[in-house]
């Protein structure tokens, strides 16, 4: 069994990005600039945005963090989005989700200039991805693809089961894994109402678990020699930890790992690659690789 080390892979890629940024600046080019909007004080979002700022430093990017309290109006938030759309120094920006209930998340996503949408959530980027055109690919699926490639996992013609159908992971992951120029796999998407979920998993060469239920994938669902990618990051109470909780994946790691050819841990697997992919998208935005 090989442990897929997302932390080490992400560090290596950030080092590669930093070298490229140095070369761009040395040639008289502009330093890439990523901005983030954070609303409220959600613990998970705070940690994620903090890690994005640190990643920007590691890559040699300029970063800006714009904070709003929970009571910010939708109009105020949309005005800030438009301001970032018009700011020529900002190459890409993200609005950290989830947002408070009184704000329409889809309306905010739609308001972002798709040429700066480095999260890859805008319908233009989602649509371009679906038909195989250059675009900003959603960060978590892009991170998973990068891990599979770096670890030499053969995906072409393989049976891939994706657990979960979210707009952020499940759906884009399925699109990418079936596309000829990405995964080129035979893809099955399962979810909480799938009648044959266990049977589908047992036939899979690759399982990508993004269902949001701790320890959902057990040993009897995984065939010998499968590759398992665990996207789950649920906070589970743990009195032995200083924080009072631990991060738990969707896969029951201790019993599943011995059956696998390769598996990602939680934490230290997909998580670091998500932020790393955001950095890759920001560099692409700064270089105007997809949109002029």
Protein backbone atom coordinates (compact mmCIF):
# COMPACT_ATOMS: atom_id res chain seq x y z
CA UNK A 1 0.00 0.00 0.00
CA UNK A 2 1.31 3.42 -1.00
CA UNK A 3 0.22 6.52 0.91
CA UNK A 4 -0.50 9.41 -1.47
CA UNK A 5 1.17 12.38 0.23
CA UNK A 6 -0.75 15.50 -0.76
CA UNK A 7 1.22 17.69 1.62
CA UNK A 8 4.59 16.85 0.07
CA UNK A 9 3.20 17.02 -3.49
CA UNK A 10 1.65 20.42 -2.84
CA UNK A 11 4.91 21.73 -1.36
CA UNK A 12 6.82 20.58 -4.45
CA UNK A 13 4.33 22.24 -6.81
CA UNK A 14 4.36 25.51 -4.83
CA UNK A 15 8.14 25.47 -5.14
CA UNK A 16 7.82 25.07 -8.92
CA UNK A 17 5.31 27.96 -9.05
CA UNK A 18 7.62 30.16 -6.95
CA UNK A 19 10.48 29.59 -9.40
CA UNK A 20 8.23 30.53 -12.33
CA UNK A 21 7.03 33.68 -10.54
CA UNK A 22 10.65 34.70 -9.89
CA UNK A 23 11.38 34.34 -13.60
CA UNK A 24 8.28 36.38 -14.54
CA UNK A 25 9.23 39.22 -12.20
CA UNK A 26 12.90 39.11 -13.29
CA UNK A 27 11.71 39.54 -16.89
CA UNK A 28 9.76 42.65 -15.89
CA UNK A 29 6.38 40.96 -15.52
CA UNK A 30 3.72 41.57 -12.89
CA UNK A 31 3.56 39.75 -9.54
CA UNK A 32 0.42 37.52 -9.49
CA UNK A 33 -2.24 38.84 -7.10
CA UNK A 34 -4.94 36.71 -5.42
CA UNK A 35 -7.67 38.34 -3.34
CA UNK A 36 -10.12 36.61 -0.99
CA UNK A 37 -13.39 37.81 0.51
CA UNK A 38 -14.26 36.29 3.89
CA UNK A 39 -17.67 36.88 5.48
CA UNK A 40 -18.12 36.17 9.20
CA UNK A 41 -15.98 34.00 11.46
CA UNK A 42 -16.64 30.37 10.49
CA UNK A 43 -13.77 28.30 11.95
CA UNK A 44 -13.24 26.13 8.88
CA UNK A 45 -13.33 29.11 6.52
CA UNK A 46 -10.90 31.08 8.72
CA UNK A 47 -8.40 28.20 8.63
CA UNK A 48 -8.80 27.70 4.90
CA UNK A 49 -8.29 31.38 4.07
CA UNK A 50 -5.28 31.58 6.42
CA UNK A 51 -3.73 28.64 4.55
CA UNK A 52 -4.40 30.39 1.23
CA UNK A 53 -2.53 33.48 2.44
CA UNK A 54 0.42 31.30 3.51
CA UNK A 55 0.37 29.53 0.15
CA UNK A 56 0.50 32.90 -1.64
CA UNK A 57 3.61 33.79 0.35
CA UNK A 58 5.22 30.44 -0.55
CA UNK A 59 4.46 31.00 -4.26
CA UNK A 60 5.65 34.61 -4.33
CA UNK A 61 2.15 35.98 -4.94
CA UNK A 62 0.66 39.18 -3.60
CA UNK A 63 -2.46 38.44 -1.51
CA UNK A 64 -5.32 40.54 -0.18
CA UNK A 65 -7.91 39.54 2.41
CA UNK A 66 -11.17 41.49 2.55
CA UNK A 67 -13.28 40.83 5.65
CA UNK A 68 -16.97 41.46 6.27
CA UNK A 69 -19.11 40.71 9.31
CA UNK A 70 -22.06 38.28 9.11
CA UNK A 71 -24.52 41.16 8.77
CA UNK A 72 -23.03 42.47 5.49
CA UNK A 73 -25.80 43.09 2.97
CA UNK A 74 -25.93 41.31 -0.37
CA UNK A 75 -25.60 44.65 -2.15
CA UNK A 76 -22.45 45.55 -0.19
CA UNK A 77 -20.89 42.20 -1.04
CA UNK A 78 -21.83 42.47 -4.73
CA UNK A 79 -20.33 45.98 -4.82
CA UNK A 80 -17.02 44.62 -3.50
CA UNK A 81 -17.09 41.81 -6.09
CA UNK A 82 -17.56 44.37 -8.85
CA UNK A 83 -14.71 46.46 -7.44
CA UNK A 84 -12.39 43.42 -7.64
CA UNK A 85 -13.66 42.67 -11.15
CA UNK A 86 -12.52 46.14 -12.22
CA UNK A 87 -9.19 46.15 -10.34
CA UNK A 88 -6.48 45.48 -12.94
CA UNK A 89 -3.96 44.56 -10.23
CA UNK A 90 -6.10 41.64 -9.00
CA UNK A 91 -5.58 38.62 -11.27
CA UNK A 92 -7.99 36.30 -9.49
CA UNK A 93 -10.21 36.28 -6.44
CA UNK A 94 -12.43 34.02 -4.43
CA UNK A 95 -15.47 34.54 -2.23
CA UNK A 96 -15.13 32.02 0.58
CA UNK A 97 -18.20 29.80 0.96
CA UNK A 98 -20.50 29.21 2.77
CA UNK A 99 -22.07 32.66 2.97
CA UNK A 100 -24.73 33.76 5.51
CA UNK A 101 -28.28 32.62 4.70
CA UNK A 102 -29.53 36.07 3.71
CA UNK A 103 -27.07 36.18 0.78
CA UNK A 104 -27.75 34.31 -2.47
CA UNK A 105 -24.51 32.37 -3.08
CA UNK A 106 -25.31 31.69 -6.74
CA UNK A 107 -25.96 35.39 -7.35
CA UNK A 108 -22.54 36.22 -5.90
CA UNK A 109 -20.80 33.53 -7.98
CA UNK A 110 -22.53 34.80 -11.13
CA UNK A 111 -21.31 38.34 -10.36
CA UNK A 112 -17.63 37.30 -10.41
CA UNK A 113 -15.83 37.98 -13.70
CA UNK A 114 -15.28 34.44 -15.03
CA UNK A 115 -11.78 35.51 -16.17
CA UNK A 116 -10.89 36.04 -12.48
CA UNK A 117 -12.90 33.09 -11.13
CA UNK A 118 -9.94 31.02 -9.91
CA UNK A 119 -12.28 28.81 -7.84
CA UNK A 120 -13.81 27.63 -11.13
CA UNK A 121 -17.41 28.00 -9.89
CA UNK A 122 -18.79 30.43 -12.49
CA UNK A 123 -21.16 28.79 -15.02
CA UNK A 124 -18.89 29.89 -17.88
CA UNK A 125 -15.96 27.97 -16.39
CA UNK A 126 -18.17 25.00 -15.46
CA UNK A 127 -19.61 24.89 -19.00
CA UNK A 128 -16.21 25.20 -20.69
CA UNK A 129 -14.87 22.41 -18.50
CA UNK A 130 -17.82 20.18 -19.41
CA UNK A 131 -17.04 20.41 -23.13
CA UNK A 132 -13.27 20.28 -22.74
CA UNK A 133 -12.35 23.93 -23.41
CA UNK A 134 -9.55 25.72 -21.51
CA UNK A 135 -10.87 27.14 -18.24
CA UNK A 136 -10.31 27.43 -14.51
CA UNK A 137 -11.05 23.96 -13.16
CA UNK A 138 -12.55 23.75 -9.67
CA UNK A 139 -9.65 23.47 -7.22
CA UNK A 140 -10.43 20.17 -5.47
CA UNK A 141 -11.02 18.11 -8.65
CA UNK A 142 -7.91 19.68 -10.20
CA UNK A 143 -5.91 18.74 -7.09
CA UNK A 144 -7.14 15.13 -7.27
CA UNK A 145 -6.22 14.86 -10.96
CA UNK A 146 -2.78 16.28 -10.19
CA UNK A 147 -2.23 13.68 -7.43
CA UNK A 148 -3.30 10.82 -9.72
CA UNK A 149 -0.88 12.00 -12.41
CA UNK A 150 2.05 12.62 -10.06
CA UNK A 151 1.66 9.15 -8.56
CA UNK A 152 1.40 7.51 -11.97
CA UNK A 153 -2.12 6.17 -11.45
CA UNK A 154 -3.42 4.83 -14.77
CA UNK A 155 -6.96 6.14 -15.31
CA UNK A 156 -7.60 5.50 -19.02
CA UNK A 157 -10.20 2.79 -19.44
CA UNK A 158 -10.43 2.17 -15.68
CA UNK A 159 -13.69 2.03 -13.73
CA UNK A 160 -13.97 5.07 -11.48
CA UNK A 161 -16.72 5.45 -8.88
CA UNK A 162 -17.37 8.91 -7.48
CA UNK A 163 -19.32 9.11 -4.23
CA UNK A 164 -21.16 12.42 -4.06
CA UNK A 165 -22.71 14.78 -6.61
CA UNK A 166 -21.90 18.26 -5.27
CA UNK A 167 -21.26 21.15 -7.65
CA UNK A 168 -17.84 21.69 -6.07
CA UNK A 169 -16.44 18.13 -6.19
CA UNK A 170 -18.70 15.31 -7.38
CA UNK A 171 -20.08 16.71 -10.64
CA UNK A 172 -16.86 18.36 -11.94
CA UNK A 173 -14.82 15.30 -10.89
CA UNK A 174 -17.12 13.06 -12.94
CA UNK A 175 -16.83 15.35 -15.97
CA UNK A 176 -13.03 15.41 -15.78
CA UNK A 177 -12.57 11.69 -15.17
CA UNK A 178 -14.66 10.79 -18.22
CA UNK A 179 -13.01 13.31 -20.59
CA UNK A 180 -10.48 11.93 -23.02
CA UNK A 181 -7.82 14.57 -22.29
CA UNK A 182 -8.09 14.15 -18.51
CA UNK A 183 -9.15 10.85 -16.92
CA UNK A 184 -10.46 8.92 -19.95
CA UNK A 185 -12.14 6.56 -17.46
CA UNK A 186 -15.49 4.81 -17.26
CA UNK A 187 -17.30 6.81 -14.60
CA UNK A 188 -20.16 5.97 -12.25
CA UNK A 189 -21.55 8.61 -9.87
CA UNK A 190 -23.18 7.30 -6.69
CA UNK A 191 -24.93 9.20 -3.91
CA UNK A 192 -27.00 8.62 -0.78
CA UNK A 193 -29.98 7.31 -2.81
CA UNK A 194 -28.02 4.94 -5.09
CA UNK A 195 -29.52 1.47 -4.69
CA UNK A 196 -26.38 -0.39 -5.88
CA UNK A 197 -23.75 1.83 -4.27
CA UNK A 198 -21.81 -0.94 -2.50
CA UNK A 199 -21.79 -3.18 -5.56
CA UNK A 200 -20.53 -0.33 -7.75
CA UNK A 201 -17.73 0.45 -5.30
CA UNK A 202 -16.63 -3.19 -5.15
CA UNK A 203 -16.07 -3.16 -8.92
CA UNK A 204 -14.13 0.11 -8.97
CA UNK A 205 -10.46 0.51 -9.83
CA UNK A 206 -10.59 4.05 -8.42
CA UNK A 207 -12.94 5.35 -5.71
CA UNK A 208 -13.21 9.09 -5.08
CA UNK A 209 -15.18 9.61 -1.86
CA UNK A 210 -16.78 13.04 -1.47
CA UNK A 211 -20.04 12.17 0.24
CA UNK A 212 -19.48 14.10 3.50
CA UNK A 213 -20.12 11.19 5.88
CA UNK A 214 -17.26 10.13 8.20
CA UNK A 215 -16.10 6.50 7.80
CA UNK A 216 -18.73 5.87 5.10
CA UNK A 217 -16.42 3.72 2.94
CA UNK A 218 -15.61 0.46 4.70
CA UNK A 219 -13.33 -2.46 3.76
CA UNK A 220 -16.19 -4.57 2.36
CA UNK A 221 -16.84 -1.84 -0.25
CA UNK A 222 -13.30 -1.83 -1.66
CA UNK A 223 -11.70 -4.48 -3.87
CA UNK A 224 -8.07 -5.52 -3.45
CA UNK A 225 -5.68 -3.23 -5.31
CA UNK A 226 -8.03 -0.27 -5.67
CA UNK A 227 -6.91 3.38 -5.52
CA UNK A 228 -8.94 5.36 -2.97
CA UNK A 229 -9.08 9.16 -2.85
CA UNK A 230 -10.71 10.54 0.30
CA UNK A 231 -12.08 14.08 -0.07
CA UNK A 232 -13.99 14.09 3.23
CA UNK A 233 -13.00 16.49 6.00
CA UNK A 234 -15.60 16.36 8.77
CA UNK A 235 -14.80 17.71 12.23
CA UNK A 236 -15.40 14.89 14.73
CA UNK A 237 -15.29 15.52 18.52
CA UNK A 238 -12.07 14.19 20.07
CA UNK A 239 -11.32 14.93 23.73
CA UNK A 240 -7.69 13.80 23.31
CA UNK A 241 -6.97 16.72 20.97
CA UNK A 242 -6.19 20.25 22.16
CA UNK A 243 -8.70 21.60 19.62
CA UNK A 244 -11.40 19.24 20.92
CA UNK A 245 -11.88 17.69 17.48
CA UNK A 246 -10.10 15.80 14.72
CA UNK A 247 -10.55 15.82 10.95
CA UNK A 248 -12.18 12.62 9.75
CA UNK A 249 -12.39 11.42 6.16
CA UNK A 250 -15.22 9.64 4.35
CA UNK A 251 -13.09 6.47 4.33
CA UNK A 252 -12.56 4.21 7.35
CA UNK A 253 -8.83 4.47 6.80
CA UNK A 254 -7.43 1.79 9.15
CA UNK A 255 -9.53 -1.03 7.69
CA UNK A 256 -9.59 0.16 4.06
CA UNK A 257 -5.89 1.04 3.61
CA UNK A 258 -4.53 -2.55 3.74
CA UNK A 259 -6.71 -3.45 0.73
CA UNK A 260 -5.53 -0.53 -1.42
CA UNK A 261 -2.75 -0.09 -3.91
CA UNK A 262 -2.79 3.62 -3.04
CA UNK A 263 -4.84 5.79 -0.65
CA UNK A 264 -4.92 9.41 0.52
CA UNK A 265 -4.86 10.20 4.26
CA UNK A 266 -7.02 12.78 6.06
CA UNK A 267 -5.56 15.23 6.80
CA UNK A 268 -2.59 15.58 4.44
CA UNK A 269 -4.11 14.15 1.28
CA UNK A 270 -6.53 16.10 -0.92
CA UNK A 271 -6.73 19.18 1.34
CA UNK A 272 -3.26 20.66 0.62
CA UNK A 273 -3.78 19.97 -3.11
CA UNK A 274 -6.97 22.06 -3.17
CA UNK A 275 -5.07 25.17 -2.07
CA UNK A 276 -2.17 24.29 -4.36
CA UNK A 277 -4.61 24.09 -7.31
CA UNK A 278 -5.95 27.53 -6.44
CA UNK A 279 -2.37 28.78 -6.75
CA UNK A 280 -2.04 27.09 -10.17
CA UNK A 281 -5.26 28.77 -11.33
CA UNK A 282 -4.07 32.16 -10.05
CA UNK A 283 -0.79 31.83 -11.96
CA UNK A 284 -2.76 30.90 -15.10
CA UNK A 285 -4.97 33.97 -14.55
CA UNK A 286 -1.93 36.22 -14.17
CA UNK A 287 -0.44 34.80 -17.38
CA UNK A 288 -3.82 35.18 -19.18
CA UNK A 289 -3.51 31.56 -20.30
CA UNK A 290 -7.23 30.98 -20.84
CA UNK A 291 -8.87 34.38 -21.34
CA UNK A 292 -7.40 37.50 -22.93
